[in-house]
């Protein structure tokens, strides 16, 4: 961040205590579906958003109240930060040689599963209306409502409690959107770092398949330099990466 004043957030490698990789950074497509890349990377790359456990923010941005939103609880607050940072003209980068160890789960475990699921879906709708343009909102709503229909169909066929809870919390999130959608203040700007939406349909309807294909696509982009930042001096040597 000292080398480039345009970098607003730097994301480290977040590791489990056994040394395995837990998180790197997040990528967001046009319909505001997010993807967490968990594959090792040996160079600094651009990212759409940081991951939740830890990241470094430029002091001037920390003092900016627009980085915080009371409507976001438990989940997706880092995606909100990502949008605001990019739309303010700063970049977000992932720095693989910076390492933080993190135990995942204790914070989320404080909340009940229904509460977690409600905020998971509610915040997804909130971000879509907060940052999406009209095509993104229309397409994103279509894909998310189609996902609800699939969840409902699975619920009827399998008659499992888990699927039923998902549908109930999804409906609660939609009710929240109907009550509050018109009060969401749009955040305008065009600088967000979006990735390809080629797998958005699968991401919405078959999440496990869509995410897996997108992560393969991102790995290919990294190899081909598609996510490189435009400053060669930022590259990490293989020796420094292997010291993690």
C-alpha atoms as a PDB file:
ATOM      1  CA  UNK A   1       0.000   0.000   0.000  1.00  0.00           C
ATOM      2  CA  UNK A   2       2.986   2.282   0.484  1.00  0.00           C
ATOM      3  CA  UNK A   3       4.028   1.607  -3.122  1.00  0.00           C
ATOM      4  CA  UNK A   4       0.686   2.559  -4.638  1.00  0.00           C
ATOM      5  CA  UNK A   5      -1.574   5.204  -3.108  1.00  0.00           C
ATOM      6  CA  UNK A   6      -4.455   3.872  -5.219  1.00  0.00           C
ATOM      7  CA  UNK A   7      -4.578   0.612  -3.243  1.00  0.00           C
ATOM      8  CA  UNK A   8      -7.308   0.983  -0.632  1.00  0.00           C
ATOM      9  CA  UNK A   9      -7.414  -2.544   0.794  1.00  0.00           C
ATOM     10  CA  UNK A  10      -4.827  -5.326   0.993  1.00  0.00           C
ATOM     11  CA  UNK A  11      -5.959  -8.895   1.717  1.00  0.00           C
ATOM     12  CA  UNK A  12      -3.604 -11.457   3.307  1.00  0.00           C
ATOM     13  CA  UNK A  13      -3.567 -15.236   3.052  1.00  0.00           C
ATOM     14  CA  UNK A  14      -5.821 -16.460   5.860  1.00  0.00           C
ATOM     15  CA  UNK A  15      -4.628 -19.863   7.086  1.00  0.00           C
ATOM     16  CA  UNK A  16      -6.013 -22.497   9.415  1.00  0.00           C
ATOM     17  CA  UNK A  17      -3.809 -23.382  12.379  1.00  0.00           C
ATOM     18  CA  UNK A  18      -2.628 -26.505  10.555  1.00  0.00           C
ATOM     19  CA  UNK A  19      -1.203 -24.284   7.810  1.00  0.00           C
ATOM     20  CA  UNK A  20      -3.847 -25.036   5.185  1.00  0.00           C
ATOM     21  CA  UNK A  21      -5.326 -22.180   3.194  1.00  0.00           C
ATOM     22  CA  UNK A  22      -8.672 -20.937   4.509  1.00  0.00           C
ATOM     23  CA  UNK A  23      -9.340 -17.723   2.549  1.00  0.00           C
ATOM     24  CA  UNK A  24      -7.700 -15.472  -0.008  1.00  0.00           C
ATOM     25  CA  UNK A  25     -10.155 -12.893  -1.367  1.00  0.00           C
ATOM     26  CA  UNK A  26     -13.572 -12.521  -2.976  1.00  0.00           C
ATOM     27  CA  UNK A  27     -14.698 -11.946  -6.540  1.00  0.00           C
ATOM     28  CA  UNK A  28     -18.102 -10.598  -7.567  1.00  0.00           C
ATOM     29  CA  UNK A  29     -19.942 -10.918 -10.886  1.00  0.00           C
ATOM     30  CA  UNK A  30     -22.435  -8.557 -12.531  1.00  0.00           C
ATOM     31  CA  UNK A  31     -25.401 -10.098 -10.720  1.00  0.00           C
ATOM     32  CA  UNK A  32     -23.581  -9.709  -7.393  1.00  0.00           C
ATOM     33  CA  UNK A  33     -22.939 -13.385  -6.790  1.00  0.00           C
ATOM     34  CA  UNK A  34     -19.694 -13.760  -4.871  1.00  0.00           C
ATOM     35  CA  UNK A  35     -16.940 -16.358  -5.135  1.00  0.00           C
ATOM     36  CA  UNK A  36     -14.244 -16.981  -2.539  1.00  0.00           C
ATOM     37  CA  UNK A  37     -11.035 -18.180  -4.169  1.00  0.00           C
ATOM     38  CA  UNK A  38      -9.219 -20.698  -1.983  1.00  0.00           C
ATOM     39  CA  UNK A  39      -6.472 -21.797  -4.375  1.00  0.00           C
ATOM     40  CA  UNK A  40      -2.833 -20.839  -3.670  1.00  0.00           C
ATOM     41  CA  UNK A  41      -1.598 -17.862  -5.703  1.00  0.00           C
ATOM     42  CA  UNK A  42       2.048 -16.842  -6.052  1.00  0.00           C
ATOM     43  CA  UNK A  43       1.598 -13.223  -7.071  1.00  0.00           C
ATOM     44  CA  UNK A  44      -0.372 -10.164  -6.037  1.00  0.00           C
ATOM     45  CA  UNK A  45      -3.669  -9.920  -7.907  1.00  0.00           C
ATOM     46  CA  UNK A  46      -6.715  -7.673  -8.061  1.00  0.00           C
ATOM     47  CA  UNK A  47      -9.837  -8.704  -6.132  1.00  0.00           C
ATOM     48  CA  UNK A  48     -13.434  -7.498  -5.971  1.00  0.00           C
ATOM     49  CA  UNK A  49     -13.612  -7.600  -2.176  1.00  0.00           C
ATOM     50  CA  UNK A  50     -11.665  -8.723   0.897  1.00  0.00           C
ATOM     51  CA  UNK A  51     -12.584 -11.742   3.004  1.00  0.00           C
ATOM     52  CA  UNK A  52     -14.173 -11.278   6.391  1.00  0.00           C
ATOM     53  CA  UNK A  53     -11.543 -12.424   8.930  1.00  0.00           C
ATOM     54  CA  UNK A  54      -8.924  -9.701   8.398  1.00  0.00           C
ATOM     55  CA  UNK A  55      -7.691  -7.156   5.883  1.00  0.00           C
ATOM     56  CA  UNK A  56      -5.756  -3.881   5.896  1.00  0.00           C
ATOM     57  CA  UNK A  57      -7.642  -0.685   4.993  1.00  0.00           C
ATOM     58  CA  UNK A  58      -6.100   2.658   4.142  1.00  0.00           C
ATOM     59  CA  UNK A  59      -6.530   5.090   7.052  1.00  0.00           C
ATOM     60  CA  UNK A  60      -8.430   7.667   4.982  1.00  0.00           C
ATOM     61  CA  UNK A  61     -11.036   5.030   4.126  1.00  0.00           C
ATOM     62  CA  UNK A  62     -11.413   3.889   7.736  1.00  0.00           C
ATOM     63  CA  UNK A  63     -12.352   7.444   8.688  1.00  0.00           C
ATOM     64  CA  UNK A  64     -15.040   7.443   5.991  1.00  0.00           C
ATOM     65  CA  UNK A  65     -18.379   6.474   7.509  1.00  0.00           C
ATOM     66  CA  UNK A  66     -19.675   5.156   4.189  1.00  0.00           C
ATOM     67  CA  UNK A  67     -17.671   1.958   4.788  1.00  0.00           C
ATOM     68  CA  UNK A  68     -20.132   0.967   7.500  1.00  0.00           C
ATOM     69  CA  UNK A  69     -23.800   0.064   7.077  1.00  0.00           C
ATOM     70  CA  UNK A  70     -26.146  -0.821   9.934  1.00  0.00           C
ATOM     71  CA  UNK A  71     -28.307  -2.913   7.590  1.00  0.00           C
ATOM     72  CA  UNK A  72     -25.593  -5.557   7.252  1.00  0.00           C
ATOM     73  CA  UNK A  73     -25.369  -8.055  10.107  1.00  0.00           C
ATOM     74  CA  UNK A  74     -23.298 -11.259  10.309  1.00  0.00           C
ATOM     75  CA  UNK A  75     -22.704 -11.757   6.604  1.00  0.00           C
ATOM     76  CA  UNK A  76     -21.497  -9.992   3.422  1.00  0.00           C
ATOM     77  CA  UNK A  77     -20.171  -6.847   5.103  1.00  0.00           C
ATOM     78  CA  UNK A  78     -16.823  -7.397   3.371  1.00  0.00           C
ATOM     79  CA  UNK A  79     -18.582  -7.369  -0.016  1.00  0.00           C
ATOM     80  CA  UNK A  80     -20.089  -4.027   0.948  1.00  0.00           C
ATOM     81  CA  UNK A  81     -16.603  -2.741   1.777  1.00  0.00           C
ATOM     82  CA  UNK A  82     -15.358  -4.017  -1.577  1.00  0.00           C
ATOM     83  CA  UNK A  83     -17.996  -2.125  -3.518  1.00  0.00           C
ATOM     84  CA  UNK A  84     -17.453   1.135  -1.638  1.00  0.00           C
ATOM     85  CA  UNK A  85     -13.657   0.980  -1.928  1.00  0.00           C
ATOM     86  CA  UNK A  86     -13.732   0.353  -5.680  1.00  0.00           C
ATOM     87  CA  UNK A  87     -16.456   2.941  -6.309  1.00  0.00           C
ATOM     88  CA  UNK A  88     -14.374   5.530  -4.454  1.00  0.00           C
ATOM     89  CA  UNK A  89     -11.594   4.971  -6.976  1.00  0.00           C
ATOM     90  CA  UNK A  90      -9.309   2.686  -4.938  1.00  0.00           C
ATOM     91  CA  UNK A  91      -8.123  -0.830  -5.747  1.00  0.00           C
ATOM     92  CA  UNK A  92      -8.282  -4.017  -3.688  1.00  0.00           C
ATOM     93  CA  UNK A  93      -5.379  -6.448  -3.923  1.00  0.00           C
ATOM     94  CA  UNK A  94      -4.603  -9.887  -2.546  1.00  0.00           C
ATOM     95  CA  UNK A  95      -1.072 -10.249  -1.142  1.00  0.00           C
ATOM     96  CA  UNK A  96      -0.247 -13.973  -0.767  1.00  0.00           C
ATOM     97  CA  UNK A  97       2.962 -13.465   1.222  1.00  0.00           C
ATOM     98  CA  UNK A  98       1.115 -11.696   4.052  1.00  0.00           C
ATOM     99  CA  UNK A  99      -0.201 -14.388   6.402  1.00  0.00           C
ATOM    100  CA  UNK A 100      -2.769 -14.417   9.197  1.00  0.00           C
ATOM    101  CA  UNK A 101      -3.895 -17.500  11.141  1.00  0.00           C
ATOM    102  CA  UNK A 102      -7.601 -17.672  11.884  1.00  0.00           C
ATOM    103  CA  UNK A 103      -9.993 -20.066  13.575  1.00  0.00           C
ATOM    104  CA  UNK A 104     -13.207 -20.084  11.589  1.00  0.00           C
ATOM    105  CA  UNK A 105     -16.652 -20.542  13.091  1.00  0.00           C
ATOM    106  CA  UNK A 106     -16.765 -19.092  16.654  1.00  0.00           C
ATOM    107  CA  UNK A 107     -18.413 -15.797  15.650  1.00  0.00           C
ATOM    108  CA  UNK A 108     -21.074 -17.299  13.395  1.00  0.00           C
ATOM    109  CA  UNK A 109     -21.770 -20.065  15.927  1.00  0.00           C
ATOM    110  CA  UNK A 110     -23.162 -17.423  18.301  1.00  0.00           C
ATOM    111  CA  UNK A 111     -26.187 -17.047  16.051  1.00  0.00           C
ATOM    112  CA  UNK A 112     -28.948 -19.574  15.442  1.00  0.00           C
ATOM    113  CA  UNK A 113     -29.095 -21.181  12.011  1.00  0.00           C
ATOM    114  CA  UNK A 114     -32.386 -19.458  11.082  1.00  0.00           C
ATOM    115  CA  UNK A 115     -30.899 -16.071  12.015  1.00  0.00           C
ATOM    116  CA  UNK A 116     -27.765 -16.744  10.002  1.00  0.00           C
ATOM    117  CA  UNK A 117     -29.712 -17.903   6.944  1.00  0.00           C
ATOM    118  CA  UNK A 118     -32.077 -14.950   7.052  1.00  0.00           C
ATOM    119  CA  UNK A 119     -29.233 -12.425   7.073  1.00  0.00           C
ATOM    120  CA  UNK A 120     -27.372 -14.454   4.438  1.00  0.00           C
ATOM    121  CA  UNK A 121     -30.240 -14.007   1.971  1.00  0.00           C
ATOM    122  CA  UNK A 122     -31.425 -10.586   3.148  1.00  0.00           C
ATOM    123  CA  UNK A 123     -27.971  -9.071   2.777  1.00  0.00           C
ATOM    124  CA  UNK A 124     -27.650 -10.614  -0.672  1.00  0.00           C
ATOM    125  CA  UNK A 125     -30.802  -8.795  -1.804  1.00  0.00           C
ATOM    126  CA  UNK A 126     -29.696  -5.617  -0.040  1.00  0.00           C
ATOM    127  CA  UNK A 127     -26.353  -5.475  -1.854  1.00  0.00           C
ATOM    128  CA  UNK A 128     -28.046  -6.166  -5.178  1.00  0.00           C
ATOM    129  CA  UNK A 129     -30.336  -3.143  -4.757  1.00  0.00           C
ATOM    130  CA  UNK A 130     -27.620  -0.995  -3.174  1.00  0.00           C
ATOM    131  CA  UNK A 131     -24.955  -1.402  -5.846  1.00  0.00           C
ATOM    132  CA  UNK A 132     -26.480  -3.085  -8.899  1.00  0.00           C
ATOM    133  CA  UNK A 133     -27.481  -1.184 -12.027  1.00  0.00           C
ATOM    134  CA  UNK A 134     -30.924  -1.840 -13.531  1.00  0.00           C
ATOM    135  CA  UNK A 135     -29.858  -4.827 -15.728  1.00  0.00           C
ATOM    136  CA  UNK A 136     -27.994  -6.343 -12.770  1.00  0.00           C
ATOM    137  CA  UNK A 137     -31.003  -5.940 -10.470  1.00  0.00           C
ATOM    138  CA  UNK A 138     -33.466  -7.393 -12.986  1.00  0.00           C
ATOM    139  CA  UNK A 139     -31.217 -10.317 -13.889  1.00  0.00           C
ATOM    140  CA  UNK A 140     -30.146 -10.870 -10.299  1.00  0.00           C
ATOM    141  CA  UNK A 141     -33.734 -10.935  -9.038  1.00  0.00           C
ATOM    142  CA  UNK A 142     -34.749 -13.368 -11.767  1.00  0.00           C
ATOM    143  CA  UNK A 143     -31.925 -15.755 -10.894  1.00  0.00           C
ATOM    144  CA  UNK A 144     -32.564 -15.541  -7.157  1.00  0.00           C
ATOM    145  CA  UNK A 145     -36.313 -16.111  -7.490  1.00  0.00           C
ATOM    146  CA  UNK A 146     -35.601 -19.058  -9.779  1.00  0.00           C
ATOM    147  CA  UNK A 147     -33.345 -20.435  -7.057  1.00  0.00           C
ATOM    148  CA  UNK A 148     -36.215 -20.103  -4.582  1.00  0.00           C
ATOM    149  CA  UNK A 149     -38.457 -22.192  -6.842  1.00  0.00           C
ATOM    150  CA  UNK A 150     -35.801 -24.898  -7.020  1.00  0.00           C
ATOM    151  CA  UNK A 151     -35.365 -24.861  -3.239  1.00  0.00           C
ATOM    152  CA  UNK A 152     -39.132 -25.163  -2.815  1.00  0.00           C
ATOM    153  CA  UNK A 153     -39.300 -28.076  -5.264  1.00  0.00           C
ATOM    154  CA  UNK A 154     -36.462 -29.871  -3.472  1.00  0.00           C
ATOM    155  CA  UNK A 155     -38.214 -29.218  -0.170  1.00  0.00           C
ATOM    156  CA  UNK A 156     -41.432 -30.843  -1.422  1.00  0.00           C
ATOM    157  CA  UNK A 157     -39.659 -33.858  -2.912  1.00  0.00           C
ATOM    158  CA  UNK A 158     -37.269 -34.632  -0.055  1.00  0.00           C
ATOM    159  CA  UNK A 159     -39.392 -33.395   2.846  1.00  0.00           C
ATOM    160  CA  UNK A 160     -36.290 -32.598   4.862  1.00  0.00           C
ATOM    161  CA  UNK A 161     -36.249 -30.090   7.677  1.00  0.00           C
ATOM    162  CA  UNK A 162     -33.076 -28.418   6.389  1.00  0.00           C
ATOM    163  CA  UNK A 163     -34.537 -27.577   2.977  1.00  0.00           C
ATOM    164  CA  UNK A 164     -37.737 -26.338   4.623  1.00  0.00           C
ATOM    165  CA  UNK A 165     -35.744 -23.964   6.841  1.00  0.00           C
ATOM    166  CA  UNK A 166     -33.878 -22.615   3.814  1.00  0.00           C
ATOM    167  CA  UNK A 167     -37.153 -21.864   2.002  1.00  0.00           C
ATOM    168  CA  UNK A 168     -38.671 -20.194   5.073  1.00  0.00           C
ATOM    169  CA  UNK A 169     -35.671 -17.904   5.595  1.00  0.00           C
ATOM    170  CA  UNK A 170     -35.518 -17.126   1.879  1.00  0.00           C
ATOM    171  CA  UNK A 171     -39.170 -16.067   1.983  1.00  0.00           C
ATOM    172  CA  UNK A 172     -38.478 -13.952   5.077  1.00  0.00           C
ATOM    173  CA  UNK A 173     -35.670 -12.219   3.191  1.00  0.00           C
ATOM    174  CA  UNK A 174     -37.987 -11.519   0.248  1.00  0.00           C
ATOM    175  CA  UNK A 175     -40.606 -10.098   2.634  1.00  0.00           C
ATOM    176  CA  UNK A 176     -37.922  -7.851   4.109  1.00  0.00           C
ATOM    177  CA  UNK A 177     -37.046  -6.664   0.597  1.00  0.00           C
ATOM    178  CA  UNK A 178     -40.699  -5.926  -0.236  1.00  0.00           C
ATOM    179  CA  UNK A 179     -41.006  -3.830   2.919  1.00  0.00           C
ATOM    180  CA  UNK A 180     -37.691  -2.015   2.634  1.00  0.00           C
ATOM    181  CA  UNK A 181     -36.633  -2.158  -1.018  1.00  0.00           C
ATOM    182  CA  UNK A 182     -37.817   1.355  -1.843  1.00  0.00           C
ATOM    183  CA  UNK A 183     -35.873   2.832   1.084  1.00  0.00           C
ATOM    184  CA  UNK A 184     -32.491   1.437   0.036  1.00  0.00           C
ATOM    185  CA  UNK A 185     -30.276   4.347  -0.990  1.00  0.00           C
ATOM    186  CA  UNK A 186     -28.505   3.487  -4.234  1.00  0.00           C
ATOM    187  CA  UNK A 187     -24.722   3.886  -4.296  1.00  0.00           C
ATOM    188  CA  UNK A 188     -23.801   5.103  -7.760  1.00  0.00           C
ATOM    189  CA  UNK A 189     -20.524   4.475  -9.527  1.00  0.00           C
ATOM    190  CA  UNK A 190     -18.968   2.384 -12.279  1.00  0.00           C
ATOM    191  CA  UNK A 191     -15.543   1.408 -10.975  1.00  0.00           C
ATOM    192  CA  UNK A 192     -16.403  -1.922  -9.335  1.00  0.00           C
ATOM    193  CA  UNK A 193     -14.088  -4.789 -10.304  1.00  0.00           C
ATOM    194  CA  UNK A 194     -16.527  -7.401 -11.634  1.00  0.00           C
ATOM    195  CA  UNK A 195     -15.528 -10.773 -13.009  1.00  0.00           C
ATOM    196  CA  UNK A 196     -17.215 -12.648 -15.855  1.00  0.00           C
ATOM    197  CA  UNK A 197     -20.884 -13.609 -15.413  1.00  0.00           C
ATOM    198  CA  UNK A 198     -20.530 -16.708 -17.601  1.00  0.00           C
ATOM    199  CA  UNK A 199     -21.442 -19.024 -14.712  1.00  0.00           C
ATOM    200  CA  UNK A 200     -23.982 -16.804 -12.934  1.00  0.00           C
ATOM    201  CA  UNK A 201     -26.914 -18.968 -14.036  1.00  0.00           C
ATOM    202  CA  UNK A 202     -25.305 -22.104 -12.618  1.00  0.00           C
ATOM    203  CA  UNK A 203     -24.194 -20.184  -9.525  1.00  0.00           C
ATOM    204  CA  UNK A 204     -27.815 -19.281  -8.814  1.00  0.00           C
ATOM    205  CA  UNK A 205     -29.524 -22.571  -9.608  1.00  0.00           C
ATOM    206  CA  UNK A 206     -26.797 -25.119  -8.837  1.00  0.00           C
ATOM    207  CA  UNK A 207     -24.403 -23.297  -6.466  1.00  0.00           C
ATOM    208  CA  UNK A 208     -21.895 -26.114  -5.944  1.00  0.00           C
ATOM    209  CA  UNK A 209     -21.410 -26.618  -9.697  1.00  0.00           C
ATOM    210  CA  UNK A 210     -21.420 -22.906 -10.532  1.00  0.00           C
ATOM    211  CA  UNK A 211     -18.875 -22.041  -7.862  1.00  0.00           C
ATOM    212  CA  UNK A 212     -16.597 -24.915  -8.843  1.00  0.00           C
ATOM    213  CA  UNK A 213     -16.576 -23.895 -12.518  1.00  0.00           C
ATOM    214  CA  UNK A 214     -16.018 -20.241 -11.671  1.00  0.00           C
ATOM    215  CA  UNK A 215     -13.082 -21.049  -9.394  1.00  0.00           C
ATOM    216  CA  UNK A 216     -11.486 -23.033 -12.227  1.00  0.00           C
ATOM    217  CA  UNK A 217     -12.035 -20.041 -14.493  1.00  0.00           C
ATOM    218  CA  UNK A 218     -10.415 -17.715 -11.931  1.00  0.00           C
ATOM    219  CA  UNK A 219      -7.412 -20.024 -11.577  1.00  0.00           C
ATOM    220  CA  UNK A 220      -6.985 -19.869 -15.357  1.00  0.00           C
ATOM    221  CA  UNK A 221      -7.272 -16.072 -15.262  1.00  0.00           C
ATOM    222  CA  UNK A 222      -4.524 -15.922 -12.630  1.00  0.00           C
ATOM    223  CA  UNK A 223      -2.231 -18.123 -14.723  1.00  0.00           C
ATOM    224  CA  UNK A 224      -2.848 -16.004 -17.824  1.00  0.00           C
ATOM    225  CA  UNK A 225      -2.320 -12.712 -16.017  1.00  0.00           C
ATOM    226  CA  UNK A 226      -5.955 -11.630 -16.303  1.00  0.00           C
ATOM    227  CA  UNK A 227      -6.077 -10.512 -12.665  1.00  0.00           C
ATOM    228  CA  UNK A 228      -2.624  -8.932 -12.518  1.00  0.00           C
ATOM    229  CA  UNK A 229      -2.333  -5.398 -11.232  1.00  0.00           C
ATOM    230  CA  UNK A 230      -0.591  -2.998 -13.635  1.00  0.00           C
ATOM    231  CA  UNK A 231       2.631  -2.617 -11.634  1.00  0.00           C
ATOM    232  CA  UNK A 232       5.305  -5.235 -12.259  1.00  0.00           C
ATOM    233  CA  UNK A 233       7.189  -4.476  -9.046  1.00  0.00           C
ATOM    234  CA  UNK A 234       4.309  -5.945  -7.042  1.00  0.00           C
ATOM    235  CA  UNK A 235       5.048  -9.512  -8.151  1.00  0.00           C
ATOM    236  CA  UNK A 236       6.015 -11.908  -5.368  1.00  0.00           C
ATOM    237  CA  UNK A 237       8.907 -14.269  -5.911  1.00  0.00           C
ATOM    238  CA  UNK A 238       8.280 -17.998  -5.647  1.00  0.00           C
ATOM    239  CA  UNK A 239      10.846 -18.113  -2.844  1.00  0.00           C
ATOM    240  CA  UNK A 240       8.929 -15.635  -0.703  1.00  0.00           C
ATOM    241  CA  UNK A 241       5.644 -17.425  -1.360  1.00  0.00           C
ATOM    242  CA  UNK A 242       7.132 -20.773  -0.352  1.00  0.00           C
ATOM    243  CA  UNK A 243       8.037 -19.372   3.060  1.00  0.00           C
ATOM    244  CA  UNK A 244       4.353 -19.284   4.040  1.00  0.00           C
END
